[in-house]
Protein backbone atom coordinates (compact mmCIF):
# COMPACT_ATOMS: atom_id res chain seq x y z
CA MET A 1 180.31 202.63 -18.83
CA ASN A 2 177.34 201.15 -20.60
CA ILE A 3 177.49 199.66 -24.21
CA LYS A 4 175.07 202.16 -25.48
CA ARG A 5 177.31 205.08 -24.37
CA LEU A 6 180.33 203.50 -25.97
CA PHE A 7 178.88 203.38 -29.20
CA GLU A 8 177.40 206.82 -28.97
CA ASP A 9 181.10 208.03 -28.14
CA LEU A 10 182.43 206.11 -31.00
CA ARG A 11 180.06 207.84 -33.63
CA GLY A 12 182.11 210.31 -35.72
CA THR A 13 185.52 209.01 -34.55
CA ARG A 14 188.10 209.09 -37.28
CA VAL A 15 189.49 205.71 -37.76
CA VAL A 16 192.65 204.47 -40.00
CA VAL A 17 192.66 200.90 -41.10
CA VAL A 18 196.14 199.66 -41.93
CA HIS A 19 195.34 196.13 -43.52
CA PRO A 20 195.99 194.33 -46.66
CA GLU A 21 193.14 194.57 -49.04
CA GLY A 22 190.56 191.68 -49.07
CA ALA A 23 187.67 190.08 -47.36
CA GLU A 24 188.92 190.57 -43.87
CA CYS A 25 189.70 194.09 -44.41
CA ASN A 26 186.28 194.71 -45.83
CA VAL A 27 184.60 193.10 -42.71
CA LEU A 28 186.63 195.30 -40.39
CA VAL A 29 185.92 198.43 -42.23
CA ASN A 30 182.05 197.61 -42.31
CA GLN A 31 182.11 197.14 -38.65
CA PHE A 32 183.76 200.50 -37.94
CA LYS A 33 181.07 202.21 -40.42
CA ARG A 34 178.28 200.41 -38.48
CA PHE A 35 179.54 202.11 -35.30
CA GLY A 36 179.45 205.40 -37.08
CA CYS A 37 183.04 205.82 -37.39
CA LEU A 38 184.66 207.72 -40.45
CA VAL A 39 187.16 205.15 -41.84
CA GLN A 40 190.22 205.48 -44.16
CA VAL A 41 191.88 202.40 -45.30
CA LEU A 42 195.82 202.53 -46.08
């Protein structure tokens, strides 16, 4: 599988992040959003 295809497949994927609030959580959420994922934080 090539990396471009992987990112295309991730686009629109729903992701739930279970992590305490803070800088690390924000970095994680922003990375998922850059990939085109739909993110919800709990």
